[in-house]
Amino acid sequence: ENGHAQQILVDLVIAVAVAWVWLVPDARALGMNPWPYVIATPVTG
């Protein structure tokens, strides 16, 4: 019902995608498994 809420959701999705671009290679470089965090992000933000 609310265009502002939709804009905030799209903004969050873009921000999370940017975080993933950094998170996955950074986690691998530190010997961490990034996938639990990547999988949990759509549910928990």
All heavy atoms as atom14 arrays in JSON, in Angstrom:
{
  "sequence": "ENGHAQQILVDLVIAVAVAWVWLVPDARALGMNPWPYVIATPVTG",
  "atom14_mask": [
    [1, 1, 1, 1, 1, 1, 1, 1, 1, 0, 0, 0, 0, 0],
    [1, 1, 1, 1, 1, 1, 1, 1, 0, 0, 0, 0, 0, 0],
    [1, 1, 1, 1, 0, 0, 0, 0, 0, 0, 0, 0, 0, 0],
    [1, 1, 1, 1, 1, 1, 1, 1, 1, 1, 0, 0, 0, 0],
    [1, 1, 1, 1, 1, 0, 0, 0, 0, 0, 0, 0, 0, 0],
    [1, 1, 1, 1, 1, 1, 1, 1, 1, 0, 0, 0, 0, 0],
    [1, 1, 1, 1, 1, 1, 1, 1, 1, 0, 0, 0, 0, 0],
    [1, 1, 1, 1, 1, 1, 1, 1, 0, 0, 0, 0, 0, 0],
    [1, 1, 1, 1, 1, 1, 1, 1, 0, 0, 0, 0, 0, 0],
    [1, 1, 1, 1, 1, 1, 1, 0, 0, 0, 0, 0, 0, 0],
    [1, 1, 1, 1, 1, 1, 1, 1, 0, 0, 0, 0, 0, 0],
    [1, 1, 1, 1, 1, 1, 1, 1, 0, 0, 0, 0, 0, 0],
    [1, 1, 1, 1, 1, 1, 1, 0, 0, 0, 0, 0, 0, 0],
    [1, 1, 1, 1, 1, 1, 1, 1, 0, 0, 0, 0, 0, 0],
    [1, 1, 1, 1, 1, 0, 0, 0, 0, 0, 0, 0, 0, 0],
    [1, 1, 1, 1, 1, 1, 1, 0, 0, 0, 0, 0, 0, 0],
    [1, 1, 1, 1, 1, 0, 0, 0, 0, 0, 0, 0, 0, 0],
    [1, 1, 1, 1, 1, 1, 1, 0, 0, 0, 0, 0, 0, 0],
    [1, 1, 1, 1, 1, 0, 0, 0, 0, 0, 0, 0, 0, 0],
    [1, 1, 1, 1, 1, 1, 1, 1, 1, 1, 1, 1, 1, 1],
    [1, 1, 1, 1, 1, 1, 1, 0, 0, 0, 0, 0, 0, 0],
    [1, 1, 1, 1, 1, 1, 1, 1, 1, 1, 1, 1, 1, 1],
    [1, 1, 1, 1, 1, 1, 1, 1, 0, 0, 0, 0, 0, 0],
    [1, 1, 1, 1, 1, 1, 1, 0, 0, 0, 0, 0, 0, 0],
    [1, 1, 1, 1, 1, 1, 1, 0, 0, 0, 0, 0, 0, 0],
    [1, 1, 1, 1, 1, 1, 1, 1, 0, 0, 0, 0, 0, 0],
    [1, 1, 1, 1, 1, 0, 0, 0, 0, 0, 0, 0, 0, 0],
    [1, 1, 1, 1, 1, 1, 1, 1, 1, 1, 1, 0, 0, 0],
    [1, 1, 1, 1, 1, 0, 0, 0, 0, 0, 0, 0, 0, 0],
    [1, 1, 1, 1, 1, 1, 1, 1, 0, 0, 0, 0, 0, 0],
    [1, 1, 1, 1, 0, 0, 0, 0, 0, 0, 0, 0, 0, 0],
    [1, 1, 1, 1, 1, 1, 1, 1, 0, 0, 0, 0, 0, 0],
    [1, 1, 1, 1, 1, 1, 1, 1, 0, 0, 0, 0, 0, 0],
    [1, 1, 1, 1, 1, 1, 1, 0, 0, 0, 0, 0, 0, 0],
    [1, 1, 1, 1, 1, 1, 1, 1, 1, 1, 1, 1, 1, 1],
    [1, 1, 1, 1, 1, 1, 1, 0, 0, 0, 0, 0, 0, 0],
    [1, 1, 1, 1, 1, 1, 1, 1, 1, 1, 1, 1, 0, 0],
    [1, 1, 1, 1, 1, 1, 1, 0, 0, 0, 0, 0, 0, 0],
    [1, 1, 1, 1, 1, 1, 1, 1, 0, 0, 0, 0, 0, 0],
    [1, 1, 1, 1, 1, 0, 0, 0, 0, 0, 0, 0, 0, 0],
    [1, 1, 1, 1, 1, 1, 1, 0, 0, 0, 0, 0, 0, 0],
    [1, 1, 1, 1, 1, 1, 1, 0, 0, 0, 0, 0, 0, 0],
    [1, 1, 1, 1, 1, 1, 1, 0, 0, 0, 0, 0, 0, 0],
    [1, 1, 1, 1, 1, 1, 1, 0, 0, 0, 0, 0, 0, 0],
    [1, 1, 1, 1, 0, 0, 0, 0, 0, 0, 0, 0, 0, 0]
  ],
  "atom14_positions": [
    [[0.79, -1.24, 0.0], [0.0, 0.0, 0.0], [0.82, 1.28, 0.0], [0.26, 2.35, -0.21], [-0.91, 0.02, 1.24], [-1.89, -1.12, 1.28], [-2.63, -1.2, 2.61], [-2.43, -0.3, 3.47], [-3.39, -2.16, 2.8], [0.0, 0.0, 0.0], [0.0, 0.0, 0.0], [0.0, 0.0, 0.0], [0.0, 0.0, 0.0], [0.0, 0.0, 0.0]],
    [[2.12, 1.19, 0.26], [2.88, 2.4, 0.52], [4.14, 2.46, -0.35], [5.04, 1.63, -0.21], [3.25, 2.45, 2.02], [3.84, 3.76, 2.44], [4.74, 4.28, 1.8], [3.35, 4.29, 3.54], [0.0, 0.0, 0.0], [0.0, 0.0, 0.0], [0.0, 0.0, 0.0], [0.0, 0.0, 0.0], [0.0, 0.0, 0.0], [0.0, 0.0, 0.0]],
    [[4.19, 3.46, -1.22], [5.35, 3.64, -2.1], [6.63, 3.92, -1.34], [7.71, 3.47, -1.75], [0.0, 0.0, 0.0], [0.0, 0.0, 0.0], [0.0, 0.0, 0.0], [0.0, 0.0, 0.0], [0.0, 0.0, 0.0], [0.0, 0.0, 0.0], [0.0, 0.0, 0.0], [0.0, 0.0, 0.0], [0.0, 0.0, 0.0], [0.0, 0.0, 0.0]],
    [[6.53, 4.64, -0.22], [7.74, 4.9, 0.58], [8.31, 3.6, 1.13], [9.53, 3.4, 1.12], [7.43, 5.86, 1.74], [7.15, 7.26, 1.3], [8.08, 8.05, 0.68], [6.03, 8.01, 1.41], [7.55, 9.22, 0.4], [6.31, 9.23, 0.84], [0.0, 0.0, 0.0], [0.0, 0.0, 0.0], [0.0, 0.0, 0.0], [0.0, 0.0, 0.0]],
    [[7.45, 2.73, 1.61], [7.9, 1.44, 2.14], [8.55, 0.61, 1.03], [9.56, -0.06, 1.25], [6.74, 0.69, 2.77], [0.0, 0.0, 0.0], [0.0, 0.0, 0.0], [0.0, 0.0, 0.0], [0.0, 0.0, 0.0], [0.0, 0.0, 0.0], [0.0, 0.0, 0.0], [0.0, 0.0, 0.0], [0.0, 0.0, 0.0], [0.0, 0.0, 0.0]],
    [[7.99, 0.66, -0.16], [8.57, -0.08, -1.29], [9.95, 0.47, -1.63], [10.88, -0.3, -1.9], [7.64, 0.01, -2.49], [6.32, -0.7, -2.28], [5.28, -0.34, -3.33], [5.54, 0.44, -4.23], [4.09, -0.92, -3.2], [0.0, 0.0, 0.0], [0.0, 0.0, 0.0], [0.0, 0.0, 0.0], [0.0, 0.0, 0.0], [0.0, 0.0, 0.0]],
    [[10.1, 1.79, -1.59], [11.39, 2.4, -1.87], [12.42, 1.98, -0.82], [13.57, 1.67, -1.15], [11.26, 3.93, -1.92], [12.51, 4.66, -2.38], [13.54, 4.86, -1.29], [13.2, 5.01, -0.12], [14.8, 4.86, -1.67], [0.0, 0.0, 0.0], [0.0, 0.0, 0.0], [0.0, 0.0, 0.0], [0.0, 0.0, 0.0], [0.0, 0.0, 0.0]],
    [[12.01, 1.95, 0.44], [12.93, 1.55, 1.51], [13.34, 0.09, 1.32], [14.51, -0.26, 1.51], [12.28, 1.78, 2.89], [12.17, 3.29, 3.15], [13.06, 1.1, 4.0], [11.31, 3.65, 4.34], [0.0, 0.0, 0.0], [0.0, 0.0, 0.0], [0.0, 0.0, 0.0], [0.0, 0.0, 0.0], [0.0, 0.0, 0.0], [0.0, 0.0, 0.0]],
    [[12.4, -0.76, 0.92], [12.73, -2.17, 0.68], [13.74, -2.31, -0.46], [14.72, -3.04, -0.33], [11.47, -2.98, 0.37], [11.72, -4.45, 0.03], [12.32, -5.18, 1.23], [10.44, -5.11, -0.44], [0.0, 0.0, 0.0], [0.0, 0.0, 0.0], [0.0, 0.0, 0.0], [0.0, 0.0, 0.0], [0.0, 0.0, 0.0], [0.0, 0.0, 0.0]],
    [[13.53, -1.6, -1.55], [14.47, -1.67, -2.67], [15.84, -1.14, -2.24], [16.88, -1.72, -2.58], [13.93, -0.9, -3.9], [14.99, -0.78, -4.98], [12.69, -1.6, -4.44], [0.0, 0.0, 0.0], [0.0, 0.0, 0.0], [0.0, 0.0, 0.0], [0.0, 0.0, 0.0], [0.0, 0.0, 0.0], [0.0, 0.0, 0.0], [0.0, 0.0, 0.0]],
    [[15.85, -0.06, -1.46], [17.1, 0.5, -0.95], [17.83, -0.54, -0.09], [19.05, -0.72, -0.22], [16.79, 1.76, -0.14], [18.04, 2.47, 0.31], [18.84, 2.87, -0.55], [18.19, 2.64, 1.54], [0.0, 0.0, 0.0], [0.0, 0.0, 0.0], [0.0, 0.0, 0.0], [0.0, 0.0, 0.0], [0.0, 0.0, 0.0], [0.0, 0.0, 0.0]],
    [[17.1, -1.24, 0.76], [17.69, -2.27, 1.61], [18.25, -3.41, 0.76], [19.34, -3.91, 1.03], [16.67, -2.8, 2.61], [17.14, -3.93, 3.51], [18.31, -3.49, 4.38], [15.99, -4.43, 4.37], [0.0, 0.0, 0.0], [0.0, 0.0, 0.0], [0.0, 0.0, 0.0], [0.0, 0.0, 0.0], [0.0, 0.0, 0.0], [0.0, 0.0, 0.0]],
    [[17.52, -3.82, -0.26], [17.99, -4.89, -1.13], [19.3, -4.5, -1.82], [20.24, -5.29, -1.89], [16.91, -5.29, -2.16], [17.47, -6.2, -3.24], [15.73, -5.95, -1.46], [0.0, 0.0, 0.0], [0.0, 0.0, 0.0], [0.0, 0.0, 0.0], [0.0, 0.0, 0.0], [0.0, 0.0, 0.0], [0.0, 0.0, 0.0], [0.0, 0.0, 0.0]],
    [[19.38, -3.26, -2.29], [20.61, -2.79, -2.92], [21.76, -2.76, -1.91], [22.88, -3.21, -2.21], [20.4, -1.41, -3.57], [19.45, -1.54, -4.76], [21.73, -0.79, -3.99], [18.95, -0.2, -5.3], [0.0, 0.0, 0.0], [0.0, 0.0, 0.0], [0.0, 0.0, 0.0], [0.0, 0.0, 0.0], [0.0, 0.0, 0.0], [0.0, 0.0, 0.0]],
    [[21.49, -2.25, -0.71], [22.53, -2.19, 0.32], [23.02, -3.58, 0.7], [24.23, -3.81, 0.87], [22.0, -1.46, 1.56], [0.0, 0.0, 0.0], [0.0, 0.0, 0.0], [0.0, 0.0, 0.0], [0.0, 0.0, 0.0], [0.0, 0.0, 0.0], [0.0, 0.0, 0.0], [0.0, 0.0, 0.0], [0.0, 0.0, 0.0], [0.0, 0.0, 0.0]],
    [[22.11, -4.53, 0.8], [22.49, -5.91, 1.14], [23.29, -6.53, 0.0], [24.27, -7.23, 0.24], [21.25, -6.74, 1.5], [21.55, -8.21, 1.5], [20.7, -6.3, 2.85], [0.0, 0.0, 0.0], [0.0, 0.0, 0.0], [0.0, 0.0, 0.0], [0.0, 0.0, 0.0], [0.0, 0.0, 0.0], [0.0, 0.0, 0.0], [0.0, 0.0, 0.0]],
    [[22.91, -6.26, -1.23], [23.68, -6.78, -2.37], [25.1, -6.23, -2.36], [26.06, -6.98, -2.61], [22.98, -6.43, -3.69], [0.0, 0.0, 0.0], [0.0, 0.0, 0.0], [0.0, 0.0, 0.0], [0.0, 0.0, 0.0], [0.0, 0.0, 0.0], [0.0, 0.0, 0.0], [0.0, 0.0, 0.0], [0.0, 0.0, 0.0], [0.0, 0.0, 0.0]],
    [[25.25, -4.97, -2.04], [26.59, -4.37, -1.92], [27.35, -5.05, -0.79], [28.54, -5.37, -0.93], [26.5, -2.84, -1.7], [27.84, -2.26, -1.33], [25.94, -2.17, -2.95], [0.0, 0.0, 0.0], [0.0, 0.0, 0.0], [0.0, 0.0, 0.0], [0.0, 0.0, 0.0], [0.0, 0.0, 0.0], [0.0, 0.0, 0.0], [0.0, 0.0, 0.0]],
    [[26.68, -5.3, 0.33], [27.33, -5.98, 1.45], [27.79, -7.37, 1.03], [28.89, -7.81, 1.39], [26.38, -6.06, 2.65], [0.0, 0.0, 0.0], [0.0, 0.0, 0.0], [0.0, 0.0, 0.0], [0.0, 0.0, 0.0], [0.0, 0.0, 0.0], [0.0, 0.0, 0.0], [0.0, 0.0, 0.0], [0.0, 0.0, 0.0], [0.0, 0.0, 0.0]],
    [[26.96, -8.1, 0.27], [27.34, -9.43, -0.18], [28.57, -9.4, -1.07], [29.42, -10.28, -0.99], [26.2, -10.09, -0.95], [25.1, -10.63, -0.11], [25.11, -10.87, 1.23], [23.81, -11.02, -0.57], [23.91, -11.38, 1.63], [23.09, -11.49, 0.55], [23.21, -11.03, -1.81], [21.78, -11.95, 0.45], [21.9, -11.49, -1.9], [21.2, -11.95, -0.78]],
    [[28.66, -8.38, -1.93], [29.82, -8.26, -2.83], [31.11, -8.15, -2.01], [32.15, -8.67, -2.4], [29.65, -7.05, -3.78], [30.94, -6.7, -4.49], [28.53, -7.32, -4.77], [0.0, 0.0, 0.0], [0.0, 0.0, 0.0], [0.0, 0.0, 0.0], [0.0, 0.0, 0.0], [0.0, 0.0, 0.0], [0.0, 0.0, 0.0], [0.0, 0.0, 0.0]],
    [[31.03, -7.51, -0.86], [32.19, -7.4, 0.01], [32.31, -8.61, 0.94], [33.4, -9.14, 1.15], [32.1, -6.11, 0.85], [33.08, -6.09, 1.98], [34.41, -5.82, 1.9], [32.81, -6.4, 3.34], [34.99, -5.95, 3.13], [34.01, -6.3, 4.04], [31.66, -6.75, 4.04], [34.12, -6.54, 5.4], [31.77, -6.99, 5.39], [32.98, -6.87, 6.06]],
    [[31.19, -9.07, 1.5], [31.18, -10.1, 2.53], [31.75, -11.43, 2.03], [32.58, -12.03, 2.72], [29.75, -10.29, 3.04], [29.49, -11.24, 4.18], [28.27, -10.78, 4.96], [29.29, -12.67, 3.72], [0.0, 0.0, 0.0], [0.0, 0.0, 0.0], [0.0, 0.0, 0.0], [0.0, 0.0, 0.0], [0.0, 0.0, 0.0], [0.0, 0.0, 0.0]],
    [[31.33, -11.89, 0.88], [31.73, -13.22, 0.41], [33.25, -13.32, 0.24], [33.88, -14.21, 0.83], [30.96, -13.62, -0.86], [31.52, -14.9, -1.46], [29.47, -13.78, -0.55], [0.0, 0.0, 0.0], [0.0, 0.0, 0.0], [0.0, 0.0, 0.0], [0.0, 0.0, 0.0], [0.0, 0.0, 0.0], [0.0, 0.0, 0.0], [0.0, 0.0, 0.0]],
    [[33.9, -12.44, -0.52], [35.35, -12.59, -0.64], [36.1, -12.31, 0.66], [37.13, -12.92, 0.94], [35.75, -11.6, -1.74], [34.59, -10.71, -1.93], [33.38, -11.4, -1.4], [0.0, 0.0, 0.0], [0.0, 0.0, 0.0], [0.0, 0.0, 0.0], [0.0, 0.0, 0.0], [0.0, 0.0, 0.0], [0.0, 0.0, 0.0], [0.0, 0.0, 0.0]],
    [[35.58, -11.39, 1.48], [36.23, -11.1, 2.75], [36.17, -12.31, 3.67], [37.16, -12.67, 4.3], [35.57, -9.88, 3.41], [36.3, -9.45, 4.66], [37.47, -9.02, 4.55], [35.71, -9.56, 5.76], [0.0, 0.0, 0.0], [0.0, 0.0, 0.0], [0.0, 0.0, 0.0], [0.0, 0.0, 0.0], [0.0, 0.0, 0.0], [0.0, 0.0, 0.0]],
    [[35.01, -12.95, 3.75], [34.87, -14.14, 4.59], [35.81, -15.24, 4.11], [36.49, -15.89, 4.92], [33.43, -14.63, 4.57], [0.0, 0.0, 0.0], [0.0, 0.0, 0.0], [0.0, 0.0, 0.0], [0.0, 0.0, 0.0], [0.0, 0.0, 0.0], [0.0, 0.0, 0.0], [0.0, 0.0, 0.0], [0.0, 0.0, 0.0], [0.0, 0.0, 0.0]],
    [[35.87, -15.46, 2.82], [36.75, -16.5, 2.28], [38.21, -16.18, 2.59], [38.99, -17.08, 2.93], [36.55, -16.63, 0.78], [35.26, -17.33, 0.43], [35.11, -17.48, -1.05], [33.9, -18.23, -1.38], [33.24, -18.09, -2.49], [33.65, -17.25, -3.43], [32.15, -18.8, -2.71], [0.0, 0.0, 0.0], [0.0, 0.0, 0.0], [0.0, 0.0, 0.0]],
    [[38.6, -14.91, 2.49], [39.98, -14.53, 2.77], [40.34, -14.78, 4.23], [41.51, -15.04, 4.55], [40.19, -13.04, 2.43], [0.0, 0.0, 0.0], [0.0, 0.0, 0.0], [0.0, 0.0, 0.0], [0.0, 0.0, 0.0], [0.0, 0.0, 0.0], [0.0, 0.0, 0.0], [0.0, 0.0, 0.0], [0.0, 0.0, 0.0], [0.0, 0.0, 0.0]],
    [[39.34, -14.73, 5.11], [39.59, -14.96, 6.53], [39.36, -16.42, 6.93], [39.44, -16.77, 8.1], [38.67, -14.05, 7.37], [38.98, -12.56, 7.27], [37.91, -11.75, 7.98], [40.36, -12.26, 7.84], [0.0, 0.0, 0.0], [0.0, 0.0, 0.0], [0.0, 0.0, 0.0], [0.0, 0.0, 0.0], [0.0, 0.0, 0.0], [0.0, 0.0, 0.0]],
    [[39.04, -17.27, 5.95], [38.8, -18.67, 6.24], [37.43, -18.94, 6.83], [37.21, -19.97, 7.45], [0.0, 0.0, 0.0], [0.0, 0.0, 0.0], [0.0, 0.0, 0.0], [0.0, 0.0, 0.0], [0.0, 0.0, 0.0], [0.0, 0.0, 0.0], [0.0, 0.0, 0.0], [0.0, 0.0, 0.0], [0.0, 0.0, 0.0], [0.0, 0.0, 0.0]],
    [[36.5, -18.01, 6.64], [35.14, -18.15, 7.16], [34.21, -18.62, 6.05], [34.44, -18.31, 4.88], [34.64, -16.79, 7.69], [35.44, -16.24, 8.84], [35.03, -14.5, 9.21], [33.28, -14.62, 9.58], [0.0, 0.0, 0.0], [0.0, 0.0, 0.0], [0.0, 0.0, 0.0], [0.0, 0.0, 0.0], [0.0, 0.0, 0.0], [0.0, 0.0, 0.0]],
    [[33.15, -19.31, 6.43], [32.13, -19.71, 5.47], [31.11, -18.58, 5.34], [30.4, -18.28, 6.31], [31.45, -20.99, 5.94], [30.38, -21.48, 4.99], [30.14, -20.91, 3.94], [29.73, -22.55, 5.38], [0.0, 0.0, 0.0], [0.0, 0.0, 0.0], [0.0, 0.0, 0.0], [0.0, 0.0, 0.0], [0.0, 0.0, 0.0], [0.0, 0.0, 0.0]],
    [[30.99, -17.93, 4.18], [30.07, -16.8, 4.06], [28.61, -17.21, 3.89], [27.7, -16.41, 4.13], [30.55, -16.1, 2.8], [31.15, -17.19, 1.97], [31.78, -18.13, 2.96], [0.0, 0.0, 0.0], [0.0, 0.0, 0.0], [0.0, 0.0, 0.0], [0.0, 0.0, 0.0], [0.0, 0.0, 0.0], [0.0, 0.0, 0.0], [0.0, 0.0, 0.0]],
    [[28.34, -18.45, 3.49], [26.99, -18.83, 3.08], [25.93, -18.78, 4.17], [24.78, -18.42, 3.88], [27.03, -20.16, 2.33], [27.88, -19.98, 1.11], [29.09, -20.56, 0.85], [27.64, -19.08, 0.03], [29.61, -20.09, -0.32], [28.73, -19.18, -0.86], [26.61, -18.2, -0.29], [28.83, -18.44, -2.03], [26.71, -17.46, -1.47], [27.8, -17.59, -2.31]],
    [[26.22, -19.11, 5.42], [25.17, -18.94, 6.43], [24.67, -17.49, 6.52], [23.47, -17.25, 6.69], [25.83, -19.37, 7.73], [26.91, -20.31, 7.3], [27.4, -19.77, 5.98], [0.0, 0.0, 0.0], [0.0, 0.0, 0.0], [0.0, 0.0, 0.0], [0.0, 0.0, 0.0], [0.0, 0.0, 0.0], [0.0, 0.0, 0.0], [0.0, 0.0, 0.0]],
    [[25.57, -16.55, 6.36], [25.2, -15.14, 6.44], [24.45, -14.7, 5.18], [23.48, -13.95, 5.25], [26.44, -14.28, 6.66], [27.18, -14.69, 7.91], [28.33, -15.46, 7.84], [26.68, -14.36, 9.16], [28.98, -15.88, 8.98], [27.33, -14.77, 10.31], [28.47, -15.53, 10.21], [29.1, -15.94, 11.36], [0.0, 0.0, 0.0], [0.0, 0.0, 0.0]],
    [[24.9, -15.15, 4.03], [24.24, -14.82, 2.77], [22.81, -15.39, 2.76], [21.86, -14.69, 2.39], [25.06, -15.34, 1.56], [24.29, -15.21, 0.27], [26.4, -14.61, 1.48], [0.0, 0.0, 0.0], [0.0, 0.0, 0.0], [0.0, 0.0, 0.0], [0.0, 0.0, 0.0], [0.0, 0.0, 0.0], [0.0, 0.0, 0.0], [0.0, 0.0, 0.0]],
    [[22.66, -16.63, 3.2], [21.34, -17.26, 3.21], [20.42, -16.61, 4.24], [19.22, -16.45, 3.99], [21.49, -18.78, 3.46], [22.18, -19.43, 2.25], [20.15, -19.43, 3.75], [22.66, -20.85, 2.5], [0.0, 0.0, 0.0], [0.0, 0.0, 0.0], [0.0, 0.0, 0.0], [0.0, 0.0, 0.0], [0.0, 0.0, 0.0], [0.0, 0.0, 0.0]],
    [[20.96, -16.23, 5.38], [20.13, -15.64, 6.45], [19.72, -14.21, 6.14], [18.69, -13.74, 6.65], [20.88, -15.68, 7.77], [0.0, 0.0, 0.0], [0.0, 0.0, 0.0], [0.0, 0.0, 0.0], [0.0, 0.0, 0.0], [0.0, 0.0, 0.0], [0.0, 0.0, 0.0], [0.0, 0.0, 0.0], [0.0, 0.0, 0.0], [0.0, 0.0, 0.0]],
    [[20.46, -13.5, 5.32], [20.19, -12.08, 5.09], [18.8, -11.8, 4.51], [18.14, -10.88, 4.98], [21.28, -11.46, 4.21], [22.55, -11.66, 4.85], [21.07, -9.97, 4.04], [0.0, 0.0, 0.0], [0.0, 0.0, 0.0], [0.0, 0.0, 0.0], [0.0, 0.0, 0.0], [0.0, 0.0, 0.0], [0.0, 0.0, 0.0], [0.0, 0.0, 0.0]],
    [[18.3, -12.54, 3.52], [16.96, -12.23, 3.03], [15.87, -12.37, 4.09], [14.84, -11.7, 4.02], [16.74, -13.23, 1.89], [18.1, -13.61, 1.45], [18.95, -13.56, 2.69], [0.0, 0.0, 0.0], [0.0, 0.0, 0.0], [0.0, 0.0, 0.0], [0.0, 0.0, 0.0], [0.0, 0.0, 0.0], [0.0, 0.0, 0.0], [0.0, 0.0, 0.0]],
    [[16.1, -13.23, 5.08], [15.1, -13.44, 6.13], [15.28, -12.47, 7.29], [14.32, -11.97, 7.84], [15.18, -14.9, 6.65], [14.19, -15.14, 7.77], [14.96, -15.88, 5.51], [0.0, 0.0, 0.0], [0.0, 0.0, 0.0], [0.0, 0.0, 0.0], [0.0, 0.0, 0.0], [0.0, 0.0, 0.0], [0.0, 0.0, 0.0], [0.0, 0.0, 0.0]],
    [[16.53, -12.19, 7.64], [16.8, -11.38, 8.82], [17.31, -9.97, 8.51], [17.45, -9.16, 9.42], [17.84, -12.06, 9.73], [19.1, -12.12, 9.05], [17.4, -13.45, 10.14], [0.0, 0.0, 0.0], [0.0, 0.0, 0.0], [0.0, 0.0, 0.0], [0.0, 0.0, 0.0], [0.0, 0.0, 0.0], [0.0, 0.0, 0.0], [0.0, 0.0, 0.0]],
    [[17.61, -9.71, 7.24], [18.11, -8.39, 6.88], [19.48, -8.11, 7.47], [20.35, -8.98, 7.49], [0.0, 0.0, 0.0], [0.0, 0.0, 0.0], [0.0, 0.0, 0.0], [0.0, 0.0, 0.0], [0.0, 0.0, 0.0], [0.0, 0.0, 0.0], [0.0, 0.0, 0.0], [0.0, 0.0, 0.0], [0.0, 0.0, 0.0], [0.0, 0.0, 0.0]]
  ]
}
